[in-house]
Amino acid sequence: ALRVRARAAGQAVTIVIRRGEDIVFLHAMPGTTPAN
């Protein structure tokens, strides 16, 4: 849902969802960098 919203708005973001310290979702959109 976050990826679709960002893409529709022409935004480039990195999205990270964690449960505890475990990464359960990670997406870096084109236009982001490892710094994000």
PDB file of all heavy atoms in Angstrom:
ATOM      1  N   ALA A   1       0.841  -1.208   0.000  1.00  0.00           N
ATOM      2  CA  ALA A   1       0.000   0.000   0.000  1.00  0.00           C
ATOM      3  C   ALA A   1       0.873   1.254   0.000  1.00  0.00           C
ATOM      4  O   ALA A   1       0.578   2.216  -0.714  1.00  0.00           O
ATOM      5  CB  ALA A   1      -0.929  -0.009   1.216  1.00  0.00           C
ATOM      6  N   LEU A   2       1.947   1.242   0.756  1.00  0.00           N
ATOM      7  CA  LEU A   2       2.860   2.393   0.799  1.00  0.00           C
ATOM      8  C   LEU A   2       3.569   2.564  -0.543  1.00  0.00           C
ATOM      9  O   LEU A   2       3.710   3.679  -1.045  1.00  0.00           O
ATOM     10  CB  LEU A   2       3.874   2.233   1.930  1.00  0.00           C
ATOM     11  CG  LEU A   2       3.296   2.257   3.343  1.00  0.00           C
ATOM     12  CD1 LEU A   2       4.362   1.879   4.359  1.00  0.00           C
ATOM     13  CD2 LEU A   2       2.700   3.618   3.665  1.00  0.00           C
ATOM     14  N   ARG A   3       3.997   1.444  -1.141  1.00  0.00           N
ATOM     15  CA  ARG A   3       4.683   1.504  -2.434  1.00  0.00           C
ATOM     16  C   ARG A   3       3.754   2.070  -3.511  1.00  0.00           C
ATOM     17  O   ARG A   3       4.147   2.944  -4.284  1.00  0.00           O
ATOM     18  CB  ARG A   3       5.161   0.106  -2.837  1.00  0.00           C
ATOM     19  CG  ARG A   3       6.028   0.096  -4.101  1.00  0.00           C
ATOM     20  CD  ARG A   3       6.231  -1.306  -4.619  1.00  0.00           C
ATOM     21  NE  ARG A   3       5.018  -1.843  -5.220  1.00  0.00           N
ATOM     22  CZ  ARG A   3       4.575  -1.552  -6.452  1.00  0.00           C
ATOM     23  NH1 ARG A   3       5.236  -0.704  -7.208  1.00  0.00           N
ATOM     24  NH2 ARG A   3       3.475  -2.093  -6.919  1.00  0.00           N
ATOM     25  N   VAL A   4       2.514   1.617  -3.532  1.00  0.00           N
ATOM     26  CA  VAL A   4       1.543   2.080  -4.532  1.00  0.00           C
ATOM     27  C   VAL A   4       1.281   3.576  -4.357  1.00  0.00           C
ATOM     28  O   VAL A   4       1.242   4.333  -5.331  1.00  0.00           O
ATOM     29  CB  VAL A   4       0.239   1.250  -4.448  1.00  0.00           C
ATOM     30  CG1 VAL A   4      -0.885   1.906  -5.219  1.00  0.00           C
ATOM     31  CG2 VAL A   4       0.489  -0.162  -4.938  1.00  0.00           C
ATOM     32  N   ARG A   5       1.110   4.024  -3.114  1.00  0.00           N
ATOM     33  CA  ARG A   5       0.874   5.454  -2.853  1.00  0.00           C
ATOM     34  C   ARG A   5       2.061   6.303  -3.306  1.00  0.00           C
ATOM     35  O   ARG A   5       1.877   7.333  -3.942  1.00  0.00           O
ATOM     36  CB  ARG A   5       0.636   5.694  -1.362  1.00  0.00           C
ATOM     37  CG  ARG A   5      -0.718   5.334  -0.889  1.00  0.00           C
ATOM     38  CD  ARG A   5      -0.814   5.508   0.638  1.00  0.00           C
ATOM     39  NE  ARG A   5      -2.151   5.261   1.066  1.00  0.00           N
ATOM     40  CZ  ARG A   5      -3.111   6.181   1.098  1.00  0.00           C
ATOM     41  NH1 ARG A   5      -2.861   7.421   0.750  1.00  0.00           N
ATOM     42  NH2 ARG A   5      -4.327   5.862   1.485  1.00  0.00           N
ATOM     43  N   ALA A   6       3.260   5.873  -2.939  1.00  0.00           N
ATOM     44  CA  ALA A   6       4.448   6.639  -3.308  1.00  0.00           C
ATOM     45  C   ALA A   6       4.604   6.692  -4.826  1.00  0.00           C
ATOM     46  O   ALA A   6       4.861   7.755  -5.398  1.00  0.00           O
ATOM     47  CB  ALA A   6       5.688   6.036  -2.658  1.00  0.00           C
ATOM     48  N   ARG A   7       4.417   5.560  -5.457  1.00  0.00           N
ATOM     49  CA  ARG A   7       4.567   5.502  -6.917  1.00  0.00           C
ATOM     50  C   ARG A   7       3.545   6.394  -7.612  1.00  0.00           C
ATOM     51  O   ARG A   7       3.872   7.118  -8.552  1.00  0.00           O
ATOM     52  CB  ARG A   7       4.431   4.059  -7.386  1.00  0.00           C
ATOM     53  CG  ARG A   7       4.734   3.892  -8.833  1.00  0.00           C
ATOM     54  CD  ARG A   7       4.757   2.438  -9.194  1.00  0.00           C
ATOM     55  NE  ARG A   7       5.083   2.311 -10.599  1.00  0.00           N
ATOM     56  CZ  ARG A   7       5.063   1.186 -11.249  1.00  0.00           C
ATOM     57  NH1 ARG A   7       4.767   0.068 -10.624  1.00  0.00           N
ATOM     58  NH2 ARG A   7       5.357   1.148 -12.520  1.00  0.00           N
ATOM     59  N   ALA A   8       2.290   6.357  -7.136  1.00  0.00           N
ATOM     60  CA  ALA A   8       1.232   7.186  -7.730  1.00  0.00           C
ATOM     61  C   ALA A   8       1.534   8.668  -7.592  1.00  0.00           C
ATOM     62  O   ALA A   8       1.154   9.475  -8.439  1.00  0.00           O
ATOM     63  CB  ALA A   8      -0.117   6.858  -7.087  1.00  0.00           C
ATOM     64  N   ALA A   9       2.252   9.031  -6.512  1.00  0.00           N
ATOM     65  CA  ALA A   9       2.610  10.434  -6.281  1.00  0.00           C
ATOM     66  C   ALA A   9       3.947  10.802  -6.922  1.00  0.00           C
ATOM     67  O   ALA A   9       4.407  11.941  -6.789  1.00  0.00           O
ATOM     68  CB  ALA A   9       2.675  10.712  -4.775  1.00  0.00           C
ATOM     69  N   GLY A  10       4.569   9.855  -7.622  1.00  0.00           N
ATOM     70  CA  GLY A  10       5.855  10.119  -8.258  1.00  0.00           C
ATOM     71  C   GLY A  10       6.995  10.267  -7.257  1.00  0.00           C
ATOM     72  O   GLY A  10       7.982  10.943  -7.528  1.00  0.00           O
ATOM     73  N   GLN A  11       6.864   9.602  -6.119  1.00  0.00           N
ATOM     74  CA  GLN A  11       7.873   9.695  -5.055  1.00  0.00           C
ATOM     75  C   GLN A  11       8.739   8.443  -5.053  1.00  0.00           C
ATOM     76  O   GLN A  11       8.266   7.341  -5.338  1.00  0.00           O
ATOM     77  CB  GLN A  11       7.189   9.852  -3.698  1.00  0.00           C
ATOM     78  CG  GLN A  11       6.317  11.088  -3.604  1.00  0.00           C
ATOM     79  CD  GLN A  11       5.384  11.052  -2.412  1.00  0.00           C
ATOM     80  OE1 GLN A  11       4.892  10.012  -2.007  1.00  0.00           O
ATOM     81  NE2 GLN A  11       5.143  12.217  -1.839  1.00  0.00           N
ATOM     82  N   ALA A  12       9.995   8.625  -4.707  1.00  0.00           N
ATOM     83  CA  ALA A  12      10.921   7.505  -4.567  1.00  0.00           C
ATOM     84  C   ALA A  12      11.262   7.351  -3.091  1.00  0.00           C
ATOM     85  O   ALA A  12      11.830   8.264  -2.489  1.00  0.00           O
ATOM     86  CB  ALA A  12      12.188   7.756  -5.382  1.00  0.00           C
ATOM     87  N   VAL A  13      10.879   6.215  -2.511  1.00  0.00           N
ATOM     88  CA  VAL A  13      11.136   5.977  -1.091  1.00  0.00           C
ATOM     89  C   VAL A  13      11.645   4.562  -0.869  1.00  0.00           C
ATOM     90  O   VAL A  13      11.431   3.671  -1.690  1.00  0.00           O
ATOM     91  CB  VAL A  13       9.874   6.205  -0.227  1.00  0.00           C
ATOM     92  CG1 VAL A  13       9.405   7.656  -0.299  1.00  0.00           C
ATOM     93  CG2 VAL A  13       8.756   5.255  -0.606  1.00  0.00           C
ATOM     94  N   THR A  14      12.291   4.388   0.249  1.00  0.00           N
ATOM     95  CA  THR A  14      12.632   3.069   0.758  1.00  0.00           C
ATOM     96  C   THR A  14      11.645   2.775   1.877  1.00  0.00           C
ATOM     97  O   THR A  14      11.389   3.629   2.724  1.00  0.00           O
ATOM     98  CB  THR A  14      14.078   3.021   1.277  1.00  0.00           C
ATOM     99  OG1 THR A  14      14.969   3.225   0.174  1.00  0.00           O
ATOM    100  CG2 THR A  14      14.401   1.697   1.949  1.00  0.00           C
ATOM    101  N   ILE A  15      11.082   1.575   1.869  1.00  0.00           N
ATOM    102  CA  ILE A  15      10.097   1.156   2.862  1.00  0.00           C
ATOM    103  C   ILE A  15      10.657  -0.052   3.601  1.00  0.00           C
ATOM    104  O   ILE A  15      11.066  -1.036   2.968  1.00  0.00           O
ATOM    105  CB  ILE A  15       8.769   0.762   2.185  1.00  0.00           C
ATOM    106  CG1 ILE A  15       8.241   1.907   1.319  1.00  0.00           C
ATOM    107  CG2 ILE A  15       7.745   0.305   3.223  1.00  0.00           C
ATOM    108  CD1 ILE A  15       7.216   1.473   0.283  1.00  0.00           C
ATOM    109  N   VAL A  16      10.680   0.033   4.927  1.00  0.00           N
ATOM    110  CA  VAL A  16      11.162  -1.076   5.755  1.00  0.00           C
ATOM    111  C   VAL A  16      10.140  -1.326   6.854  1.00  0.00           C
ATOM    112  O   VAL A  16       9.793  -0.412   7.600  1.00  0.00           O
ATOM    113  CB  VAL A  16      12.534  -0.781   6.390  1.00  0.00           C
ATOM    114  CG1 VAL A  16      13.023  -1.991   7.187  1.00  0.00           C
ATOM    115  CG2 VAL A  16      13.560  -0.373   5.350  1.00  0.00           C
ATOM    116  N   ILE A  17       9.680  -2.571   6.933  1.00  0.00           N
ATOM    117  CA  ILE A  17       8.768  -2.970   8.007  1.00  0.00           C
ATOM    118  C   ILE A  17       9.462  -4.061   8.811  1.00  0.00           C
ATOM    119  O   ILE A  17       9.966  -5.041   8.239  1.00  0.00           O
ATOM    120  CB  ILE A  17       7.424  -3.459   7.444  1.00  0.00           C
ATOM    121  CG1 ILE A  17       6.769  -2.350   6.606  1.00  0.00           C
ATOM    122  CG2 ILE A  17       6.497  -3.914   8.588  1.00  0.00           C
ATOM    123  CD1 ILE A  17       5.503  -2.772   5.884  1.00  0.00           C
ATOM    124  N   ARG A  18       9.494  -3.837  10.122  1.00  0.00           N
ATOM    125  CA  ARG A  18      10.148  -4.789  11.022  1.00  0.00           C
ATOM    126  C   ARG A  18       9.160  -5.304  12.061  1.00  0.00           C
ATOM    127  O   ARG A  18       8.349  -4.552  12.563  1.00  0.00           O
ATOM    128  CB  ARG A  18      11.310  -4.132  11.763  1.00  0.00           C
ATOM    129  CG  ARG A  18      12.460  -3.716  10.877  1.00  0.00           C
ATOM    130  CD  ARG A  18      13.512  -2.989  11.713  1.00  0.00           C
ATOM    131  NE  ARG A  18      14.595  -2.490  10.919  1.00  0.00           N
ATOM    132  CZ  ARG A  18      15.837  -2.984  10.927  1.00  0.00           C
ATOM    133  NH1 ARG A  18      16.138  -3.994  11.717  1.00  0.00           N
ATOM    134  NH2 ARG A  18      16.765  -2.457  10.167  1.00  0.00           N
ATOM    135  N   ARG A  19       9.289  -6.566  12.364  1.00  0.00           N
ATOM    136  CA  ARG A  19       8.639  -7.138  13.543  1.00  0.00           C
ATOM    137  C   ARG A  19       9.781  -7.485  14.479  1.00  0.00           C
ATOM    138  O   ARG A  19      10.618  -8.328  14.158  1.00  0.00           O
ATOM    139  CB  ARG A  19       7.816  -8.365  13.185  1.00  0.00           C
ATOM    140  CG  ARG A  19       6.948  -8.801  14.362  1.00  0.00           C
ATOM    141  CD  ARG A  19       5.992  -9.873  14.005  1.00  0.00           C
ATOM    142  NE  ARG A  19       6.732 -11.030  13.511  1.00  0.00           N
ATOM    143  CZ  ARG A  19       6.199 -11.991  12.791  1.00  0.00           C
ATOM    144  NH1 ARG A  19       4.939 -11.936  12.461  1.00  0.00           N
ATOM    145  NH2 ARG A  19       6.927 -13.010  12.395  1.00  0.00           N
ATOM    146  N   GLY A  20       9.842  -6.762  15.602  1.00  0.00           N
ATOM    147  CA  GLY A  20      11.043  -6.844  16.425  1.00  0.00           C
ATOM    148  C   GLY A  20      12.202  -6.307  15.610  1.00  0.00           C
ATOM    149  O   GLY A  20      12.109  -5.236  15.006  1.00  0.00           O
ATOM    150  N   GLU A  21      13.258  -7.051  15.546  1.00  0.00           N
ATOM    151  CA  GLU A  21      14.395  -6.649  14.711  1.00  0.00           C
ATOM    152  C   GLU A  21      14.394  -7.333  13.349  1.00  0.00           C
ATOM    153  O   GLU A  21      15.241  -7.058  12.503  1.00  0.00           O
ATOM    154  CB  GLU A  21      15.717  -6.934  15.442  1.00  0.00           C
ATOM    155  CG  GLU A  21      15.952  -6.033  16.643  1.00  0.00           C
ATOM    156  CD  GLU A  21      16.005  -4.554  16.275  1.00  0.00           C
ATOM    157  OE1 GLU A  21      16.648  -4.185  15.268  1.00  0.00           O
ATOM    158  OE2 GLU A  21      15.380  -3.757  17.002  1.00  0.00           O
ATOM    159  N   ASP A  22      13.437  -8.232  13.126  1.00  0.00           N
ATOM    160  CA  ASP A  22      13.357  -8.944  11.855  1.00  0.00           C
ATOM    161  C   ASP A  22      12.718  -8.059  10.785  1.00  0.00           C
ATOM    162  O   ASP A  22      11.644  -7.489  11.004  1.00  0.00           O
ATOM    163  CB  ASP A  22      12.517 -10.216  11.988  1.00  0.00           C
ATOM    164  CG  ASP A  22      13.149 -11.244  12.906  1.00  0.00           C
ATOM    165  OD1 ASP A  22      14.384 -11.226  13.056  1.00  0.00           O
ATOM    166  OD2 ASP A  22      12.402 -12.063  13.466  1.00  0.00           O
ATOM    167  N   ILE A  23      13.365  -7.967   9.637  1.00  0.00           N
ATOM    168  CA  ILE A  23      12.802  -7.237   8.504  1.00  0.00           C
ATOM    169  C   ILE A  23      11.811  -8.169   7.811  1.00  0.00           C
ATOM    170  O   ILE A  23      12.192  -9.237   7.333  1.00  0.00           O
ATOM    171  CB  ILE A  23      13.897  -6.756   7.539  1.00  0.00           C
ATOM    172  CG1 ILE A  23      14.797  -5.743   8.235  1.00  0.00           C
ATOM    173  CG2 ILE A  23      13.269  -6.154   6.280  1.00  0.00           C
ATOM    174  CD1 ILE A  23      16.013  -5.315   7.435  1.00  0.00           C
ATOM    175  N   VAL A  24      10.538  -7.750   7.774  1.00  0.00           N
ATOM    176  CA  VAL A  24       9.501  -8.575   7.149  1.00  0.00           C
ATOM    177  C   VAL A  24       9.022  -7.978   5.824  1.00  0.00           C
ATOM    178  O   VAL A  24       8.271  -8.613   5.095  1.00  0.00           O
ATOM    179  CB  VAL A  24       8.320  -8.838   8.111  1.00  0.00           C
ATOM    180  CG1 VAL A  24       8.773  -9.725   9.273  1.00  0.00           C
ATOM    181  CG2 VAL A  24       7.701  -7.560   8.619  1.00  0.00           C
ATOM    182  N   PHE A  25       9.456  -6.749   5.523  1.00  0.00           N
ATOM    183  CA  PHE A  25       9.195  -6.135   4.218  1.00  0.00           C
ATOM    184  C   PHE A  25      10.280  -5.102   3.971  1.00  0.00           C
ATOM    185  O   PHE A  25      10.586  -4.298   4.848  1.00  0.00           O
ATOM    186  CB  PHE A  25       7.825  -5.434   4.196  1.00  0.00           C
ATOM    187  CG  PHE A  25       7.480  -4.860   2.845  1.00  0.00           C
ATOM    188  CD1 PHE A  25       6.743  -5.602   1.933  1.00  0.00           C
ATOM    189  CD2 PHE A  25       7.883  -3.581   2.479  1.00  0.00           C
ATOM    190  CE1 PHE A  25       6.423  -5.074   0.674  1.00  0.00           C
ATOM    191  CE2 PHE A  25       7.574  -3.052   1.231  1.00  0.00           C
ATOM    192  CZ  PHE A  25       6.838  -3.809   0.331  1.00  0.00           C
ATOM    193  N   LEU A  26      10.842  -5.141   2.763  1.00  0.00           N
ATOM    194  CA  LEU A  26      11.849  -4.155   2.362  1.00  0.00           C
ATOM    195  C   LEU A  26      11.697  -3.892   0.879  1.00  0.00           C
ATOM    196  O   LEU A  26      11.671  -4.822   0.073  1.00  0.00           O
ATOM    197  CB  LEU A  26      13.260  -4.671   2.658  1.00  0.00           C
ATOM    198  CG  LEU A  26      14.432  -3.864   2.088  1.00  0.00           C
ATOM    199  CD1 LEU A  26      14.459  -2.460   2.665  1.00  0.00           C
ATOM    200  CD2 LEU A  26      15.734  -4.580   2.340  1.00  0.00           C
ATOM    201  N   HIS A  27      11.560  -2.610   0.550  1.00  0.00           N
ATOM    202  CA  HIS A  27      11.496  -2.237  -0.861  1.00  0.00           C
ATOM    203  C   HIS A  27      12.184  -0.888  -1.043  1.00  0.00           C
ATOM    204  O   HIS A  27      11.834   0.087  -0.379  1.00  0.00           O
ATOM    205  CB  HIS A  27      10.051  -2.138  -1.341  1.00  0.00           C
ATOM    206  CG  HIS A  27       9.940  -1.781  -2.789  1.00  0.00           C
ATOM    207  ND1 HIS A  27      10.329  -2.631  -3.799  1.00  0.00           N
ATOM    208  CD2 HIS A  27       9.504  -0.660  -3.401  1.00  0.00           C
ATOM    209  CE1 HIS A  27      10.132  -2.052  -4.955  1.00  0.00           C
ATOM    210  NE2 HIS A  27       9.634  -0.845  -4.752  1.00  0.00           N
ATOM    211  N   ALA A  28      13.156  -0.852  -1.939  1.00  0.00           N
ATOM    212  CA  ALA A  28      13.834   0.391  -2.297  1.00  0.00           C
ATOM    213  C   ALA A  28      13.431   0.726  -3.728  1.00  0.00           C
ATOM    214  O   ALA A  28      13.768   0.001  -4.664  1.00  0.00           O
ATOM    215  CB  ALA A  28      15.344   0.230  -2.185  1.00  0.00           C
ATOM    216  N   MET A  29      12.685   1.806  -3.871  1.00  0.00           N
ATOM    217  CA  MET A  29      12.187   2.201  -5.184  1.00  0.00           C
ATOM    218  C   MET A  29      13.314   2.790  -6.029  1.00  0.00           C
ATOM    219  O   MET A  29      14.287   3.317  -5.479  1.00  0.00           O
ATOM    220  CB  MET A  29      11.065   3.220  -5.018  1.00  0.00           C
ATOM    221  CG  MET A  29       9.858   2.658  -4.277  1.00  0.00           C
ATOM    222  SD  MET A  29       8.577   3.883  -3.984  1.00  0.00           S
ATOM    223  CE  MET A  29       7.863   3.974  -5.627  1.00  0.00           C
ATOM    224  N   PRO A  30      13.198   2.710  -7.346  1.00  0.00           N
ATOM    225  CA  PRO A  30      14.175   3.381  -8.194  1.00  0.00           C
ATOM    226  C   PRO A  30      14.249   4.862  -7.817  1.00  0.00           C
ATOM    227  O   PRO A  30      13.222   5.509  -7.593  1.00  0.00           O
ATOM    228  CB  PRO A  30      13.611   3.203  -9.610  1.00  0.00           C
ATOM    229  CG  PRO A  30      12.749   1.978  -9.515  1.00  0.00           C
ATOM    230  CD  PRO A  30      12.168   2.003  -8.126  1.00  0.00           C
ATOM    231  N   GLY A  31      15.481   5.361  -7.707  1.00  0.00           N
ATOM    232  CA  GLY A  31      15.686   6.746  -7.309  1.00  0.00           C
ATOM    233  C   GLY A  31      16.144   6.886  -5.867  1.00  0.00           C
ATOM    234  O   GLY A  31      16.534   7.968  -5.447  1.00  0.00           O
ATOM    235  N   THR A  32      16.076   5.790  -5.108  1.00  0.00           N
ATOM    236  CA  THR A  32      16.609   5.822  -3.743  1.00  0.00           C
ATOM    237  C   THR A  32      18.049   5.331  -3.761  1.00  0.00           C
ATOM    238  O   THR A  32      18.537   4.824  -4.777  1.00  0.00           O
ATOM    239  CB  THR A  32      15.768   4.956  -2.779  1.00  0.00           C
ATOM    240  OG1 THR A  32      15.841   3.582  -3.194  1.00  0.00           O
ATOM    241  CG2 THR A  32      14.321   5.420  -2.735  1.00  0.00           C
ATOM    242  N   THR A  33      18.720   5.482  -2.637  1.00  0.00           N
ATOM    243  CA  THR A  33      20.106   5.040  -2.508  1.00  0.00           C
ATOM    244  C   THR A  33      20.248   4.236  -1.215  1.00  0.00           C
ATOM    245  O   THR A  33      19.338   4.242  -0.374  1.00  0.00           O
ATOM    246  CB  THR A  33      21.072   6.243  -2.441  1.00  0.00           C
ATOM    247  OG1 THR A  33      20.871   6.927  -1.193  1.00  0.00           O
ATOM    248  CG2 THR A  33      20.868   7.197  -3.614  1.00  0.00           C
ATOM    249  N   PRO A  34      21.384   3.586  -1.007  1.00  0.00           N
ATOM    250  CA  PRO A  34      21.601   2.889   0.260  1.00  0.00           C
ATOM    251  C   PRO A  34      21.498   3.822   1.477  1.00  0.00           C
ATOM    252  O   PRO A  34      21.185   3.369   2.578  1.00  0.00           O
ATOM    253  CB  PRO A  34      23.009   2.310   0.112  1.00  0.00           C
ATOM    254  CG  PRO A  34      23.159   2.091  -1.357  1.00  0.00           C
ATOM    255  CD  PRO A  34      22.455   3.284  -1.978  1.00  0.00           C
ATOM    256  N   ALA A  35      21.711   5.111   1.266  1.00  0.00           N
ATOM    257  CA  ALA A  35      21.572   6.059   2.383  1.00  0.00           C
ATOM    258  C   ALA A  35      20.145   6.058   2.926  1.00  0.00           C
ATOM    259  O   ALA A  35      19.936   6.234   4.128  1.00  0.00           O
ATOM    260  CB  ALA A  35      21.968   7.464   1.945  1.00  0.00           C
ATOM    261  N   ASN A  36      19.143   5.856   2.061  1.00  0.00           N
ATOM    262  CA  ASN A  36      17.759   5.808   2.533  1.00  0.00           C
ATOM    263  C   ASN A  36      17.537   4.620   3.474  1.00  0.00           C
ATOM    264  O   ASN A  36      16.841   4.755   4.485  1.00  0.00           O
ATOM    265  CB  ASN A  36      16.782   5.747   1.364  1.00  0.00           C
ATOM    266  CG  ASN A  36      16.823   7.002   0.534  1.00  0.00           C
ATOM    267  OD1 ASN A  36      17.298   6.979  -0.596  1.00  0.00           O
ATOM    268  ND2 ASN A  36      16.325   8.103   1.075  1.00  0.00           N
TER     269      ASN A  36
END
